[in-house]
Amino acid sequence: MIYYTIEKKVAVHSRRNKLEIYYAIMTSIQSEARYGKIRPTRIQFLSNMSYDKINKYFDELENSKMIRKKPLVLTDKGKEFLVDYEKIHDFMIKLGLKYVDDFEVRL
């Protein structure tokens, strides 16, 4: 007799840091802007966040002048953040770093 074992494949989801969350929200806003009116619930879905959390981050981003909530759009500072984030992310990949621990955002 031959016995086969089936190993469970468990998806490991690491927690996103604040930079990653900001990036997810702002790229969602940027991508939805192509289709016209940007709906907060659509941004919530695309960035995989609860309603309460997305509103908290909208407030933080608006206070940092990265987005404007009415109407929901990226500001120039928000667009610059996306460009800079992508540069840093690409640089980290080239160095072989996946994440930088203990890196806190000061906006």
N, C-alpha and C. Protein backbone atom coordinates (compact mmCIF):
# COMPACT_ATOMS: atom_id res chain seq x y z
N MET A 1 0.82 -1.18 0.00
CA MET A 1 0.00 0.00 0.00
C MET A 1 0.88 1.25 0.00
N ILE A 2 0.39 2.25 -0.68
CA ILE A 2 1.09 3.53 -0.74
C ILE A 2 0.19 4.56 -0.05
N TYR A 3 0.80 5.30 0.87
CA TYR A 3 0.07 6.36 1.57
C TYR A 3 0.58 7.71 1.11
N TYR A 4 -0.31 8.57 0.84
CA TYR A 4 0.05 9.92 0.44
C TYR A 4 -0.33 10.89 1.57
N THR A 5 0.55 11.77 1.86
CA THR A 5 0.21 12.78 2.85
C THR A 5 -0.05 14.09 2.13
N ILE A 6 -1.03 14.76 2.61
CA ILE A 6 -1.38 16.05 2.02
C ILE A 6 -1.01 17.11 3.05
N GLU A 7 -0.11 17.96 2.63
CA GLU A 7 0.29 19.05 3.52
C GLU A 7 -0.61 20.25 3.28
N LYS A 8 -1.02 20.86 4.36
CA LYS A 8 -1.82 22.07 4.23
C LYS A 8 -0.92 23.22 3.84
N LYS A 9 -1.35 23.93 2.87
CA LYS A 9 -0.62 25.13 2.48
C LYS A 9 -1.34 26.31 3.12
N VAL A 10 -0.68 26.91 4.04
CA VAL A 10 -1.27 28.03 4.77
C VAL A 10 -0.68 29.32 4.24
N ALA A 11 -1.55 30.19 3.84
CA ALA A 11 -1.09 31.49 3.36
C ALA A 11 -0.70 32.33 4.56
N VAL A 12 0.51 32.82 4.52
CA VAL A 12 0.98 33.67 5.59
C VAL A 12 0.83 35.12 5.15
N HIS A 13 0.00 35.83 5.88
CA HIS A 13 -0.23 37.23 5.55
C HIS A 13 0.46 38.08 6.60
N SER A 14 1.45 38.79 6.17
CA SER A 14 2.10 39.69 7.11
C SER A 14 1.30 40.98 7.18
N ARG A 15 1.41 41.63 8.28
CA ARG A 15 0.71 42.90 8.44
C ARG A 15 1.40 43.97 7.61
N ARG A 16 0.60 44.82 7.02
CA ARG A 16 1.16 45.91 6.23
C ARG A 16 1.55 47.05 7.16
N ASN A 17 2.66 47.69 6.83
CA ASN A 17 3.03 48.87 7.61
C ASN A 17 2.27 50.07 7.03
N LYS A 18 2.40 51.19 7.70
CA LYS A 18 1.64 52.37 7.32
C LYS A 18 1.97 52.84 5.90
N LEU A 19 3.24 52.75 5.53
CA LEU A 19 3.63 53.13 4.16
C LEU A 19 2.91 52.29 3.12
N GLU A 20 2.86 50.98 3.36
CA GLU A 20 2.20 50.08 2.42
C GLU A 20 0.71 50.36 2.34
N ILE A 21 0.11 50.68 3.46
CA ILE A 21 -1.32 51.00 3.48
C ILE A 21 -1.58 52.29 2.71
N TYR A 22 -0.78 53.32 2.98
CA TYR A 22 -0.92 54.57 2.24
C TYR A 22 -0.76 54.33 0.74
N TYR A 23 0.24 53.55 0.39
CA TYR A 23 0.49 53.26 -1.02
C TYR A 23 -0.71 52.54 -1.65
N ALA A 24 -1.27 51.56 -0.93
CA ALA A 24 -2.42 50.81 -1.46
C ALA A 24 -3.62 51.73 -1.68
N ILE A 25 -3.88 52.59 -0.72
CA ILE A 25 -5.01 53.51 -0.84
C ILE A 25 -4.79 54.49 -2.00
N MET A 26 -3.61 55.06 -2.05
CA MET A 26 -3.36 56.09 -3.06
C MET A 26 -3.25 55.52 -4.47
N THR A 27 -2.72 54.32 -4.62
CA THR A 27 -2.71 53.71 -5.97
C THR A 27 -4.12 53.33 -6.39
N SER A 28 -4.96 52.95 -5.42
CA SER A 28 -6.36 52.66 -5.74
C SER A 28 -7.07 53.92 -6.21
N ILE A 29 -6.82 55.04 -5.54
CA ILE A 29 -7.41 56.31 -5.96
C ILE A 29 -6.93 56.68 -7.36
N GLN A 30 -5.64 56.50 -7.59
CA GLN A 30 -5.06 56.84 -8.90
C GLN A 30 -5.65 55.96 -10.01
N SER A 31 -5.80 54.68 -9.75
CA SER A 31 -6.33 53.80 -10.79
C SER A 31 -7.82 54.05 -11.03
N GLU A 32 -8.58 54.35 -9.99
CA GLU A 32 -10.00 54.63 -10.15
C GLU A 32 -10.26 55.97 -10.82
N ALA A 33 -9.31 56.89 -10.73
CA ALA A 33 -9.47 58.21 -11.36
C ALA A 33 -9.61 58.09 -12.87
N ARG A 34 -9.10 57.03 -13.43
CA ARG A 34 -9.18 56.82 -14.89
C ARG A 34 -10.62 56.60 -15.35
N TYR A 35 -11.47 56.14 -14.41
CA TYR A 35 -12.84 55.78 -14.77
C TYR A 35 -13.86 56.83 -14.39
N GLY A 36 -13.39 57.99 -13.96
CA GLY A 36 -14.32 59.06 -13.59
C GLY A 36 -14.40 59.25 -12.10
N LYS A 37 -15.61 59.29 -11.59
CA LYS A 37 -15.83 59.58 -10.17
C LYS A 37 -15.24 58.46 -9.30
N ILE A 38 -14.51 58.88 -8.26
CA ILE A 38 -13.86 57.92 -7.36
C ILE A 38 -14.78 57.72 -6.16
N ARG A 39 -15.17 56.47 -5.93
CA ARG A 39 -16.07 56.16 -4.82
C ARG A 39 -15.26 55.57 -3.66
N PRO A 40 -15.47 56.09 -2.45
CA PRO A 40 -14.73 55.59 -1.28
C PRO A 40 -14.90 54.08 -1.05
N THR A 41 -16.09 53.55 -1.33
CA THR A 41 -16.29 52.11 -1.12
C THR A 41 -15.46 51.28 -2.08
N ARG A 42 -15.26 51.80 -3.26
CA ARG A 42 -14.42 51.10 -4.24
C ARG A 42 -12.95 51.12 -3.79
N ILE A 43 -12.50 52.24 -3.23
CA ILE A 43 -11.13 52.34 -2.71
C ILE A 43 -10.98 51.39 -1.52
N GLN A 44 -12.01 51.32 -0.69
CA GLN A 44 -12.01 50.40 0.45
C GLN A 44 -11.83 48.96 -0.03
N PHE A 45 -12.57 48.58 -1.05
CA PHE A 45 -12.48 47.22 -1.60
C PHE A 45 -11.10 46.96 -2.20
N LEU A 46 -10.61 47.88 -3.02
CA LEU A 46 -9.33 47.68 -3.70
C LEU A 46 -8.14 47.64 -2.74
N SER A 47 -8.23 48.39 -1.64
CA SER A 47 -7.12 48.40 -0.69
C SER A 47 -7.32 47.40 0.45
N ASN A 48 -8.41 46.64 0.39
CA ASN A 48 -8.67 45.54 1.32
C ASN A 48 -8.70 46.03 2.78
N MET A 49 -9.58 46.98 3.05
CA MET A 49 -9.67 47.55 4.39
C MET A 49 -11.12 47.67 4.83
N SER A 50 -11.32 47.73 6.13
CA SER A 50 -12.66 47.94 6.68
C SER A 50 -13.06 49.40 6.52
N TYR A 51 -14.35 49.64 6.66
CA TYR A 51 -14.88 51.00 6.51
C TYR A 51 -14.28 51.95 7.53
N ASP A 52 -14.21 51.53 8.78
CA ASP A 52 -13.66 52.38 9.84
C ASP A 52 -12.19 52.73 9.58
N LYS A 53 -11.43 51.72 9.19
CA LYS A 53 -9.99 51.95 8.97
C LYS A 53 -9.74 52.83 7.75
N ILE A 54 -10.50 52.62 6.70
CA ILE A 54 -10.26 53.43 5.50
C ILE A 54 -10.57 54.90 5.79
N ASN A 55 -11.61 55.16 6.57
CA ASN A 55 -11.93 56.54 6.93
C ASN A 55 -10.84 57.16 7.79
N LYS A 56 -10.28 56.37 8.70
CA LYS A 56 -9.17 56.86 9.53
C LYS A 56 -7.98 57.24 8.65
N TYR A 57 -7.65 56.39 7.68
CA TYR A 57 -6.52 56.68 6.79
C TYR A 57 -6.82 57.82 5.83
N PHE A 58 -8.09 57.94 5.40
CA PHE A 58 -8.45 59.11 4.58
C PHE A 58 -8.18 60.39 5.36
N ASP A 59 -8.56 60.42 6.63
CA ASP A 59 -8.32 61.61 7.46
C ASP A 59 -6.83 61.89 7.60
N GLU A 60 -6.04 60.85 7.85
CA GLU A 60 -4.59 61.03 7.98
C GLU A 60 -3.98 61.56 6.69
N LEU A 61 -4.39 60.98 5.57
CA LEU A 61 -3.85 61.41 4.28
C LEU A 61 -4.29 62.83 3.93
N GLU A 62 -5.51 63.19 4.29
CA GLU A 62 -5.96 64.55 4.02
C GLU A 62 -5.23 65.55 4.92
N ASN A 63 -5.02 65.20 6.18
CA ASN A 63 -4.27 66.08 7.08
C ASN A 63 -2.82 66.26 6.62
N SER A 64 -2.28 65.24 5.94
CA SER A 64 -0.92 65.31 5.41
C SER A 64 -0.88 65.95 4.02
N LYS A 65 -2.05 66.34 3.54
CA LYS A 65 -2.20 66.98 2.23
C LYS A 65 -1.78 66.08 1.06
N MET A 66 -2.00 64.77 1.24
CA MET A 66 -1.71 63.80 0.18
C MET A 66 -2.95 63.55 -0.70
N ILE A 67 -4.13 63.67 -0.09
CA ILE A 67 -5.38 63.53 -0.83
C ILE A 67 -6.31 64.67 -0.42
N ARG A 68 -7.34 64.84 -1.22
CA ARG A 68 -8.45 65.71 -0.87
C ARG A 68 -9.68 64.82 -0.85
N LYS A 69 -10.49 64.92 0.20
CA LYS A 69 -11.63 64.01 0.35
C LYS A 69 -12.85 64.41 -0.45
N LYS A 70 -13.05 65.71 -0.65
CA LYS A 70 -14.25 66.14 -1.38
C LYS A 70 -13.85 67.06 -2.51
N PRO A 71 -13.82 66.64 -3.71
CA PRO A 71 -13.94 65.26 -4.19
C PRO A 71 -12.68 64.47 -3.89
N LEU A 72 -12.81 63.16 -3.84
CA LEU A 72 -11.69 62.28 -3.51
C LEU A 72 -10.69 62.24 -4.67
N VAL A 73 -9.55 62.90 -4.46
CA VAL A 73 -8.49 62.95 -5.49
C VAL A 73 -7.13 63.00 -4.81
N LEU A 74 -6.11 62.60 -5.57
CA LEU A 74 -4.74 62.75 -5.11
C LEU A 74 -4.29 64.19 -5.32
N THR A 75 -3.51 64.70 -4.40
CA THR A 75 -2.91 66.03 -4.58
C THR A 75 -1.56 65.83 -5.25
N ASP A 76 -0.90 66.93 -5.59
CA ASP A 76 0.44 66.83 -6.17
C ASP A 76 1.40 66.15 -5.20
N LYS A 77 1.27 66.46 -3.92
CA LYS A 77 2.12 65.84 -2.91
C LYS A 77 1.88 64.32 -2.86
N GLY A 78 0.64 63.91 -3.02
CA GLY A 78 0.31 62.49 -3.05
C GLY A 78 0.91 61.79 -4.26
N LYS A 79 0.87 62.45 -5.40
CA LYS A 79 1.47 61.88 -6.61
C LYS A 79 2.98 61.75 -6.47
N GLU A 80 3.60 62.75 -5.83
CA GLU A 80 5.05 62.68 -5.58
C GLU A 80 5.38 61.53 -4.64
N PHE A 81 4.53 61.31 -3.63
CA PHE A 81 4.73 60.20 -2.71
C PHE A 81 4.75 58.87 -3.46
N LEU A 82 3.81 58.67 -4.39
CA LEU A 82 3.74 57.42 -5.14
C LEU A 82 5.02 57.18 -5.95
N VAL A 83 5.51 58.22 -6.60
CA VAL A 83 6.74 58.11 -7.39
C VAL A 83 7.91 57.75 -6.48
N ASP A 84 8.03 58.48 -5.36
CA ASP A 84 9.13 58.23 -4.42
C ASP A 84 9.04 56.85 -3.80
N TYR A 85 7.84 56.42 -3.43
CA TYR A 85 7.65 55.09 -2.84
C TYR A 85 8.11 54.01 -3.81
N GLU A 86 7.73 54.14 -5.07
CA GLU A 86 8.12 53.15 -6.07
C GLU A 86 9.63 53.10 -6.26
N LYS A 87 10.28 54.26 -6.22
CA LYS A 87 11.75 54.30 -6.33
C LYS A 87 12.39 53.57 -5.16
N ILE A 88 11.92 53.87 -3.96
CA ILE A 88 12.48 53.23 -2.76
C ILE A 88 12.21 51.73 -2.78
N HIS A 89 11.01 51.35 -3.15
CA HIS A 89 10.64 49.93 -3.22
C HIS A 89 11.53 49.18 -4.21
N ASP A 90 11.73 49.75 -5.38
CA ASP A 90 12.60 49.13 -6.39
C ASP A 90 14.04 49.01 -5.89
N PHE A 91 14.51 50.04 -5.20
CA PHE A 91 15.86 50.02 -4.64
C PHE A 91 16.00 48.91 -3.60
N MET A 92 14.99 48.75 -2.75
CA MET A 92 15.01 47.70 -1.74
C MET A 92 15.05 46.31 -2.37
N ILE A 93 14.32 46.14 -3.45
CA ILE A 93 14.32 44.85 -4.15
C ILE A 93 15.70 44.57 -4.73
N LYS A 94 16.33 45.59 -5.32
CA LYS A 94 17.68 45.41 -5.87
C LYS A 94 18.69 45.02 -4.81
N LEU A 95 18.49 45.54 -3.59
CA LEU A 95 19.38 45.19 -2.49
C LEU A 95 19.06 43.84 -1.87
N GLY A 96 17.93 43.28 -2.26
CA GLY A 96 17.53 41.99 -1.71
C GLY A 96 16.77 42.11 -0.40
N LEU A 97 16.32 43.31 -0.09
CA LEU A 97 15.54 43.53 1.14
C LEU A 97 14.06 43.45 0.81
N LYS A 98 13.32 42.73 1.63
CA LYS A 98 11.89 42.68 1.40
C LYS A 98 11.19 43.80 2.17
N TYR A 99 11.56 43.99 3.39
CA TYR A 99 10.97 45.04 4.23
C TYR A 99 12.06 45.70 5.05
N VAL A 100 11.79 46.88 5.44
CA VAL A 100 12.69 47.58 6.34
C VAL A 100 11.97 47.66 7.68
N ASP A 101 12.49 46.97 8.69
CA ASP A 101 11.84 46.94 10.00
C ASP A 101 12.02 48.26 10.72
N ASP A 102 11.07 48.53 11.57
CA ASP A 102 11.09 49.71 12.45
C ASP A 102 11.18 51.02 11.67
N PHE A 103 10.65 51.05 10.47
CA PHE A 103 10.62 52.27 9.68
C PHE A 103 9.27 52.91 9.86
N GLU A 104 9.23 54.05 10.46
CA GLU A 104 7.97 54.73 10.74
C GLU A 104 7.84 55.95 9.83
N VAL A 105 6.66 56.19 9.37
CA VAL A 105 6.40 57.31 8.48
C VAL A 105 6.17 58.57 9.29
N ARG A 106 6.83 59.63 8.94
CA ARG A 106 6.59 60.93 9.55
C ARG A 106 6.18 61.88 8.43
N LEU A 107 4.90 62.17 8.33
CA LEU A 107 4.40 63.03 7.26
C LEU A 107 4.21 64.44 7.72
